């Protein structure tokens, strides 16, 4: 539910007016992360608004970035052939005409690479207003990709890209030119960088963005919406038989290489038959049935779940949450699992170790090692005392390090700081 600043008895003089520019209000991980920050800021008395590429909710605080489809589609025929994403989106230069922008004190950029925004507009947008750029992946400092995997060419200019098909894909290797364009943009912009994970902080410090101040502020989560519930009641509500072990995972598509669907199947196939027969796979997303057929484990697929309450019920029903990702920043599903007190198994990549802490909140497997991933599942499923200890640790860390209120206050402090400097 969207909060309203009128519900909070805070003097109007304390209000900061912030406009968030993001891919969507709630469609996608970066959108959800941005929306949660938006709600956290409203609760602290900040006049927060969203200007996005795609709107899913209904609120006077959310508006869509207008576009000129006819002209931009014609330009797309040229820019896409040259291997440049988003340079056709000339409507981004009209954002200063929007009332949300005019009234804002500070801009907060989020994901700028889902086909709604032209990054060449950043200098003009930050000429009269300071801006925070919250990174949700690596795209801001690469020649095209959101994740570079084992490639480090982004450190010195890209070019000769080994992953042209990696999202967002390009058909021609002009990654060196895009890298230079981004560098040119940043040298003419007024930005402060925020990175949610320690991993992304380190990369940003090694990138073209090191000309800006870089701040590590993790995502916040509503620890009231996501909290441990009675597991037996949750299993009853979901129709899970008693006496079963429950392993949960989210899989939008097993064909997404970055999410590690192939590694998931390999790991589950390696589970002992005795463990498979006493285990139920609880899945969210669209790939549950395919997994069940491939690995021979009874599966309950909830499909796409947007309700915080239903997700909390699912996490609380699970003994373990497994996440075989190959590349990620600070995965929201792991943060949600942690807040609900559910231990996790994942790979030691990206920002995952911020959340999955070996022996404390879960098991970190060696990247690309399905055998090690399987070992982690077995180890945690067979040791109830270890899971109970990890469950308590998960909840305590979520409350101490990741409450939404803490994230909002850190952003407010940063907004005030850059506004003071801008004066």
Protein backbone atom coordinates (compact mmCIF):
# COMPACT_ATOMS: atom_id res chain seq x y z
CA UNK A 1 0.00 0.00 0.00
CA UNK A 2 1.37 3.43 -0.97
CA UNK A 3 1.95 5.70 1.98
CA UNK A 4 0.84 9.32 2.01
CA UNK A 5 2.89 12.12 3.56
CA UNK A 6 -0.32 13.61 4.91
CA UNK A 7 -0.48 10.66 7.31
CA UNK A 8 2.69 11.82 9.07
CA UNK A 9 2.76 14.75 11.49
CA UNK A 10 6.05 16.21 10.24
CA UNK A 11 6.59 19.95 9.67
CA UNK A 12 6.44 20.91 6.02
CA UNK A 13 9.74 22.72 6.40
CA UNK A 14 11.42 19.32 6.85
CA UNK A 15 10.26 18.05 3.47
CA UNK A 16 12.77 17.27 0.74
CA UNK A 17 11.23 16.87 -2.69
CA UNK A 18 12.74 13.91 -4.54
CA UNK A 19 11.98 12.56 -7.99
CA UNK A 20 12.99 8.97 -8.72
CA UNK A 21 13.64 8.10 -12.37
CA UNK A 22 13.34 4.34 -12.81
CA UNK A 23 12.30 1.61 -15.23
CA UNK A 24 8.95 1.06 -13.49
CA UNK A 25 7.17 1.48 -10.20
CA UNK A 26 7.04 -2.24 -9.31
CA UNK A 27 7.87 -4.25 -12.48
CA UNK A 28 11.33 -5.76 -11.99
CA UNK A 29 13.82 -6.08 -9.15
CA UNK A 30 15.31 -2.60 -9.48
CA UNK A 31 11.80 -1.16 -9.69
CA UNK A 32 10.71 -2.92 -6.51
CA UNK A 33 13.87 -1.78 -4.73
CA UNK A 34 13.23 1.80 -5.83
CA UNK A 35 9.56 1.60 -4.83
CA UNK A 36 10.47 0.36 -1.37
CA UNK A 37 12.86 3.28 -0.95
CA UNK A 38 10.07 5.60 -2.14
CA UNK A 39 7.76 4.22 0.56
CA UNK A 40 10.48 4.46 3.20
CA UNK A 41 11.11 8.11 2.32
CA UNK A 42 7.39 8.93 2.48
CA UNK A 43 7.26 7.45 5.96
CA UNK A 44 10.11 9.80 6.97
CA UNK A 45 8.32 12.88 5.63
CA UNK A 46 10.10 13.19 2.29
CA UNK A 47 7.97 14.35 -0.64
CA UNK A 48 8.93 11.45 -2.92
CA UNK A 49 7.63 10.87 -6.46
CA UNK A 50 8.34 8.43 -9.28
CA UNK A 51 8.81 9.19 -12.97
CA UNK A 52 9.06 5.85 -14.71
CA UNK A 53 9.00 4.02 -18.01
CA UNK A 54 6.19 1.65 -17.07
CA UNK A 55 3.42 2.15 -14.49
CA UNK A 56 1.68 -0.77 -12.78
CA UNK A 57 0.09 0.99 -9.80
CA UNK A 58 -2.32 3.88 -9.45
CA UNK A 59 -1.02 6.89 -7.54
CA UNK A 60 -0.82 10.62 -8.01
CA UNK A 61 2.83 10.30 -6.96
CA UNK A 62 3.71 8.15 -9.99
CA UNK A 63 3.85 9.28 -13.60
CA UNK A 64 5.07 7.85 -16.89
CA UNK A 65 7.87 9.42 -18.89
CA UNK A 66 6.20 10.49 -22.15
CA UNK A 67 7.65 9.27 -25.41
CA UNK A 68 7.43 10.13 -29.08
CA UNK A 69 6.99 6.62 -30.44
CA UNK A 70 6.84 7.57 -34.11
CA UNK A 71 10.14 9.44 -34.23
CA UNK A 72 11.91 7.23 -31.67
CA UNK A 73 10.96 4.04 -33.54
CA UNK A 74 12.38 5.51 -36.75
CA UNK A 75 15.62 6.44 -34.97
CA UNK A 76 15.76 2.97 -33.44
CA UNK A 77 16.24 1.41 -36.88
CA UNK A 78 19.50 3.31 -37.16
CA UNK A 79 20.82 3.20 -33.59
CA UNK A 80 20.13 -0.51 -33.09
CA UNK A 81 21.99 -1.46 -36.28
CA UNK A 82 24.97 0.51 -35.03
CA UNK A 83 24.92 -1.36 -31.73
CA UNK A 84 23.70 1.51 -29.53
CA UNK A 85 20.87 1.01 -27.07
CA UNK A 86 18.54 3.84 -26.00
CA UNK A 87 20.13 6.71 -27.97
CA UNK A 88 16.90 6.95 -29.99
CA UNK A 89 14.92 7.98 -26.90
CA UNK A 90 14.91 11.73 -27.47
CA UNK A 91 11.93 12.23 -25.12
CA UNK A 92 14.32 12.04 -22.17
CA UNK A 93 15.40 15.58 -23.00
CA UNK A 94 11.81 16.75 -22.35
CA UNK A 95 11.79 15.57 -18.71
CA UNK A 96 12.56 19.14 -17.45
CA UNK A 97 9.10 20.10 -18.74
CA UNK A 98 7.45 17.63 -16.33
CA UNK A 99 5.94 19.07 -13.14
CA UNK A 100 7.54 16.34 -11.00
CA UNK A 101 10.96 17.43 -12.23
CA UNK A 102 10.27 21.15 -11.88
CA UNK A 103 9.15 20.78 -8.26
CA UNK A 104 11.93 18.42 -7.18
CA UNK A 105 14.93 19.48 -5.09
CA UNK A 106 16.96 16.42 -5.98
CA UNK A 107 16.88 13.66 -8.61
CA UNK A 108 17.43 9.97 -7.80
CA UNK A 109 18.28 7.94 -10.89
CA UNK A 110 17.84 4.16 -10.71
CA UNK A 111 17.84 1.62 -13.57
CA UNK A 112 18.28 3.57 -16.80
CA UNK A 113 18.62 0.67 -19.24
CA UNK A 114 15.26 -0.96 -19.91
CA UNK A 115 14.32 1.04 -22.99
CA UNK A 116 12.72 4.19 -21.59
CA UNK A 117 15.63 6.61 -20.99
CA UNK A 118 18.51 8.14 -22.96
CA UNK A 119 21.60 8.47 -20.78
CA UNK A 120 22.82 11.38 -22.93
CA UNK A 121 20.19 13.49 -21.12
CA UNK A 122 21.88 13.15 -17.72
CA UNK A 123 24.06 16.31 -18.05
CA UNK A 124 21.10 18.56 -18.87
CA UNK A 125 18.95 17.02 -16.12
CA UNK A 126 21.65 17.55 -13.48
CA UNK A 127 22.65 21.05 -14.57
CA UNK A 128 20.16 22.75 -12.27
CA UNK A 129 19.50 19.96 -9.75
CA UNK A 130 21.90 17.62 -7.94
CA UNK A 131 21.35 13.91 -8.44
CA UNK A 132 21.94 10.58 -6.76
CA UNK A 133 22.51 7.63 -9.09
CA UNK A 134 21.58 4.37 -7.36
CA UNK A 135 23.25 1.49 -9.19
CA UNK A 136 21.41 -1.82 -9.42
CA UNK A 137 23.96 -3.58 -11.62
CA UNK A 138 27.10 -2.80 -13.69
CA UNK A 139 25.46 -1.19 -16.74
CA UNK A 140 26.32 2.40 -15.80
CA UNK A 141 30.05 1.83 -16.35
CA UNK A 142 30.19 -0.82 -19.10
CA UNK A 143 30.03 -0.62 -22.89
CA UNK A 144 26.56 -2.22 -22.92
CA UNK A 145 26.07 -5.07 -20.42
CA UNK A 146 24.39 -5.20 -17.02
CA UNK A 147 26.81 -7.89 -15.82
CA UNK A 148 30.25 -8.53 -17.30
CA UNK A 149 30.87 -11.95 -15.67
CA UNK A 150 34.59 -12.73 -16.09
CA UNK A 151 35.28 -9.78 -18.44
CA UNK A 152 37.07 -6.74 -16.98
CA UNK A 153 37.37 -4.68 -20.16
CA UNK A 154 35.00 -2.10 -18.64
CA UNK A 155 37.94 -0.89 -16.54
CA UNK A 156 39.79 0.51 -19.55
CA UNK A 157 37.31 1.14 -22.34
CA UNK A 158 35.53 -2.07 -23.44
CA UNK A 159 35.67 -3.02 -27.13
CA UNK A 160 36.09 -6.57 -28.48
CA UNK A 161 33.17 -7.57 -26.26
CA UNK A 162 32.97 -11.30 -25.49
CA UNK A 163 29.32 -11.08 -24.45
CA UNK A 164 27.41 -9.10 -27.09
CA UNK A 165 24.33 -11.25 -26.42
CA UNK A 166 24.38 -10.48 -22.69
CA UNK A 167 21.50 -8.24 -21.58
CA UNK A 168 21.01 -5.62 -22.88
CA UNK A 169 22.23 -7.25 -26.08
CA UNK A 170 23.72 -5.41 -29.06
CA UNK A 171 24.10 -6.60 -32.65
CA UNK A 172 27.33 -4.72 -33.36
CA UNK A 173 30.42 -4.23 -31.23
CA UNK A 174 30.60 -0.50 -30.67
CA UNK A 175 31.03 -1.06 -26.94
CA UNK A 176 34.18 1.07 -26.87
CA UNK A 177 32.20 4.02 -28.27
CA UNK A 178 29.35 3.54 -25.78
CA UNK A 179 31.89 3.35 -22.95
CA UNK A 180 33.38 6.65 -24.14
CA UNK A 181 29.92 8.22 -24.48
CA UNK A 182 29.07 7.31 -20.89
CA UNK A 183 32.39 8.68 -19.70
CA UNK A 184 31.74 11.90 -21.63
CA UNK A 185 28.27 12.15 -20.03
CA UNK A 186 29.56 11.69 -16.49
CA UNK A 187 32.29 14.28 -16.88
CA UNK A 188 29.53 16.81 -17.56
CA UNK A 189 27.09 15.69 -14.86
CA UNK A 190 26.44 16.42 -11.19
CA UNK A 191 26.10 12.97 -9.63
CA UNK A 192 26.60 11.17 -6.35
CA UNK A 193 26.75 7.37 -6.59
CA UNK A 194 25.00 4.89 -4.29
CA UNK A 195 25.83 1.19 -4.39
CA UNK A 196 23.66 -1.36 -2.52
CA UNK A 197 26.31 -4.12 -2.17
CA UNK A 198 29.97 -4.17 -1.16
CA UNK A 199 30.74 -5.95 -4.44
CA UNK A 200 29.22 -3.19 -6.56
CA UNK A 201 30.89 -0.54 -4.40
CA UNK A 202 34.29 -2.02 -5.17
CA UNK A 203 33.59 -2.21 -8.89
CA UNK A 204 32.29 1.36 -9.03
CA UNK A 205 35.47 2.56 -7.34
CA UNK A 206 37.47 0.92 -10.13
CA UNK A 207 35.29 2.33 -12.90
CA UNK A 208 34.78 5.63 -14.73
CA UNK A 209 32.39 6.56 -11.89
CA UNK A 210 35.30 7.01 -9.48
CA UNK A 211 35.27 10.71 -10.37
CA UNK A 212 32.18 10.93 -8.11
CA UNK A 213 31.58 10.37 -4.42
CA UNK A 214 30.49 6.74 -3.92
CA UNK A 215 28.34 5.68 -0.96
CA UNK A 216 27.36 2.17 0.11
CA UNK A 217 23.69 2.07 1.20
CA UNK A 218 22.04 -1.39 1.11
CA UNK A 219 18.45 -1.91 0.07
CA UNK A 220 15.95 -1.65 2.89
CA UNK A 221 13.11 -4.06 3.55
CA UNK A 222 9.90 -3.73 5.54
CA UNK A 223 10.62 -6.16 8.37
CA UNK A 224 6.98 -6.05 9.46
CA UNK A 225 5.70 -7.11 6.04
CA UNK A 226 8.45 -9.73 5.84
CA UNK A 227 8.73 -11.57 9.13
CA UNK A 228 8.77 -15.19 10.36
CA UNK A 229 5.30 -16.75 10.57
CA UNK A 230 4.24 -20.05 12.08
CA UNK A 231 5.65 -22.62 9.62
CA UNK A 232 3.01 -25.26 10.35
CA UNK A 233 0.17 -22.82 9.73
CA UNK A 234 1.87 -21.57 6.56
CA UNK A 235 2.27 -25.12 5.25
CA UNK A 236 -1.37 -25.84 6.04
CA UNK A 237 -2.45 -22.72 4.14
CA UNK A 238 -0.38 -23.77 1.13
CA UNK A 239 -1.55 -27.39 1.24
CA UNK A 240 1.87 -28.87 1.98
CA UNK A 241 1.70 -32.32 3.66
CA UNK A 242 3.03 -32.61 7.20
CA UNK A 243 6.36 -34.30 7.80
CA UNK A 244 7.94 -32.99 4.60
CA UNK A 245 11.07 -30.92 4.18
CA UNK A 246 10.39 -27.80 2.11
CA UNK A 247 12.89 -26.24 -0.27
CA UNK A 248 11.90 -22.98 -1.94
CA UNK A 249 13.23 -21.18 -4.98
CA UNK A 250 12.14 -18.59 -7.50
CA UNK A 251 12.57 -19.27 -11.20
CA UNK A 252 11.10 -16.95 -13.80
CA UNK A 253 12.77 -18.99 -16.54
CA UNK A 254 15.15 -21.95 -16.45
CA UNK A 255 16.59 -20.69 -19.74
CA UNK A 256 18.02 -17.52 -18.15
CA UNK A 257 21.72 -18.36 -17.89
CA UNK A 258 22.38 -15.57 -15.37
CA UNK A 259 19.86 -17.04 -12.92
CA UNK A 260 21.57 -20.45 -13.13
CA UNK A 261 18.64 -22.64 -14.11
CA UNK A 262 20.99 -25.28 -15.51
CA UNK A 263 23.00 -25.35 -12.27
CA UNK A 264 19.79 -25.67 -10.27
CA UNK A 265 18.70 -28.74 -12.22
CA UNK A 266 22.12 -30.37 -11.90
CA UNK A 267 22.22 -29.77 -8.14
CA UNK A 268 18.69 -31.07 -7.50
CA UNK A 269 19.26 -34.12 -9.68
CA UNK A 270 22.24 -35.03 -7.49
CA UNK A 271 20.19 -35.11 -4.28
CA UNK A 272 19.88 -38.59 -2.72
CA UNK A 273 16.68 -40.38 -3.65
CA UNK A 274 15.76 -40.73 0.03
CA UNK A 275 15.92 -36.95 0.43
CA UNK A 276 13.94 -36.33 -2.75
CA UNK A 277 11.07 -38.49 -1.56
CA UNK A 278 10.69 -36.53 1.69
CA UNK A 279 11.08 -33.08 0.11
CA UNK A 280 8.62 -30.68 -1.50
CA UNK A 281 9.85 -27.96 -3.85
CA UNK A 282 7.94 -24.74 -3.26
CA UNK A 283 8.39 -22.45 -6.24
CA UNK A 284 7.42 -18.94 -7.26
CA UNK A 285 7.66 -17.91 -10.89
CA UNK A 286 6.85 -19.81 -14.06
CA UNK A 287 9.29 -22.71 -14.11
CA UNK A 288 8.10 -24.95 -11.29
CA UNK A 289 6.53 -27.70 -13.39
CA UNK A 290 9.61 -27.99 -15.62
CA UNK A 291 11.84 -28.45 -12.57
CA UNK A 292 9.57 -31.10 -11.10
CA UNK A 293 9.68 -33.17 -14.29
CA UNK A 294 13.45 -32.84 -14.62
CA UNK A 295 14.45 -33.75 -11.07
CA UNK A 296 11.66 -36.02 -9.84
CA UNK A 297 10.64 -34.05 -6.75
CA UNK A 298 7.06 -33.17 -5.79
CA UNK A 299 6.54 -29.50 -6.58
CA UNK A 300 4.06 -26.86 -5.48
CA UNK A 301 4.21 -23.90 -7.86
CA UNK A 302 2.61 -20.65 -6.67
CA UNK A 303 3.23 -18.89 -9.98
CA UNK A 304 4.03 -15.19 -10.06
CA UNK A 305 3.55 -13.72 -6.58
CA UNK A 306 3.40 -9.97 -5.97
CA UNK A 307 1.75 -10.02 -2.52
CA UNK A 308 4.20 -9.40 0.32
CA UNK A 309 1.95 -11.42 2.64
CA UNK A 310 1.82 -14.46 0.38
CA UNK A 311 5.58 -14.32 -0.14
CA UNK A 312 6.10 -14.16 3.62
CA UNK A 313 3.88 -17.22 4.02
CA UNK A 314 5.92 -19.07 1.39
CA UNK A 315 9.30 -18.17 2.91
CA UNK A 316 8.04 -19.09 6.37
CA UNK A 317 6.78 -22.46 5.11
CA UNK A 318 10.23 -23.28 3.72
CA UNK A 319 13.12 -24.90 5.55
CA UNK A 320 15.53 -23.50 2.99
CA UNK A 321 15.66 -21.01 0.12
CA UNK A 322 17.98 -21.86 -2.78
CA UNK A 323 19.25 -19.34 -5.30
CA UNK A 324 21.68 -20.58 -8.02
CA UNK A 325 22.48 -17.17 -9.55
CA UNK A 326 25.59 -16.55 -11.66
CA UNK A 327 25.57 -12.75 -11.31
CA UNK A 328 23.66 -10.45 -8.98
CA UNK A 329 23.91 -7.26 -6.96
CA UNK A 330 21.94 -7.57 -3.70
CA UNK A 331 19.12 -10.02 -4.58
CA UNK A 332 15.78 -8.99 -3.12
CA UNK A 333 14.59 -12.58 -2.77
CA UNK A 334 17.55 -13.34 -0.49
CA UNK A 335 16.79 -10.26 1.58
CA UNK A 336 13.14 -11.31 1.83
CA UNK A 337 14.15 -14.84 2.82
CA UNK A 338 16.50 -13.45 5.47
CA UNK A 339 13.80 -11.20 6.95
CA UNK A 340 11.48 -14.21 7.21
CA UNK A 341 14.16 -16.21 9.01
CA UNK A 342 14.70 -18.74 6.21
CA UNK A 343 18.32 -19.92 5.68
CA UNK A 344 19.73 -19.77 2.16
CA UNK A 345 22.01 -21.62 -0.25
CA UNK A 346 23.59 -19.70 -3.09
CA UNK A 347 26.88 -19.14 -4.93
CA UNK A 348 29.73 -16.92 -3.82
CA UNK A 349 29.26 -14.26 -6.49
CA UNK A 350 28.49 -10.54 -6.63
CA UNK A 351 26.67 -9.12 -3.64
CA UNK A 352 25.28 -12.49 -2.52
CA UNK A 353 27.87 -12.86 0.32
CA UNK A 354 26.48 -9.68 1.93
CA UNK A 355 23.38 -11.72 2.75
CA UNK A 356 24.38 -15.39 2.61
CA UNK A 357 27.03 -15.64 5.30
CA UNK A 358 28.60 -19.10 5.64
CA UNK A 359 27.64 -20.85 8.86
CA UNK A 360 25.61 -17.82 9.96
CA UNK A 361 22.70 -17.30 7.52
CA UNK A 362 23.33 -20.03 4.97
CA UNK A 363 25.72 -21.90 2.70
CA UNK A 364 27.87 -20.29 -0.03
CA UNK A 365 28.85 -22.70 -2.77
CA UNK A 366 31.80 -22.33 -5.14
CA UNK A 367 30.64 -20.58 -8.35
CA UNK A 368 29.59 -22.95 -11.14
CA UNK A 369 29.94 -25.97 -8.83
CA UNK A 370 26.60 -27.81 -8.81
CA UNK A 371 28.08 -30.53 -6.57
CA UNK A 372 28.95 -27.97 -3.90
CA UNK A 373 25.51 -26.37 -4.23
CA UNK A 374 23.94 -29.81 -3.72
CA UNK A 375 26.19 -30.38 -0.71
CA UNK A 376 24.90 -27.16 0.86
CA UNK A 377 21.27 -28.22 0.38
CA UNK A 378 21.92 -31.62 1.98
CA UNK A 379 23.93 -30.16 4.86
CA UNK A 380 21.23 -27.69 5.87
CA UNK A 381 18.25 -30.00 5.30
CA UNK A 382 19.78 -32.72 7.45
CA UNK A 383 20.77 -30.47 10.37
CA UNK A 384 17.70 -29.00 12.04
CA UNK A 385 19.70 -27.37 14.84
CA UNK A 386 21.91 -25.59 12.32
CA UNK A 387 18.86 -24.34 10.42
CA UNK A 388 17.26 -23.07 13.62
CA UNK A 389 20.43 -21.17 14.54
CA UNK A 390 20.69 -19.71 11.04
CA UNK A 391 17.02 -18.76 11.11
CA UNK A 392 17.51 -16.68 14.25
CA UNK A 393 20.63 -15.08 12.77
CA UNK A 394 18.78 -14.23 9.56
CA UNK A 395 16.03 -12.37 11.36
CA UNK A 396 18.39 -10.56 13.71
CA UNK A 397 20.62 -9.34 10.86
CA UNK A 398 17.62 -8.22 8.80
CA UNK A 399 16.34 -6.12 11.69
CA UNK A 400 19.74 -4.66 12.55
CA UNK A 401 21.23 -4.01 9.10
CA UNK A 402 18.42 -3.83 6.54
CA UNK A 403 15.31 -2.13 7.97
CA UNK A 404 13.63 0.21 5.51
CA UNK A 405 13.74 3.04 8.04
CA UNK A 406 17.54 2.88 8.20
CA UNK A 407 17.89 2.98 4.41
CA UNK A 408 15.53 5.96 4.16
CA UNK A 409 17.41 7.90 6.84
CA UNK A 410 20.74 7.26 5.12
CA UNK A 411 19.33 8.57 1.85
CA UNK A 412 17.86 11.62 3.55
CA UNK A 413 21.26 12.40 5.07
CA UNK A 414 22.85 12.06 1.63
CA UNK A 415 20.17 14.22 -0.05
CA UNK A 416 20.72 16.95 2.53
CA UNK A 417 24.47 16.74 2.08
CA UNK A 418 24.42 17.12 -1.70
CA UNK A 419 21.78 19.87 -1.53
CA UNK A 420 23.96 21.82 0.89
CA UNK A 421 26.96 21.41 -1.42
CA UNK A 422 24.89 22.42 -4.45
CA UNK A 423 23.93 25.72 -2.82
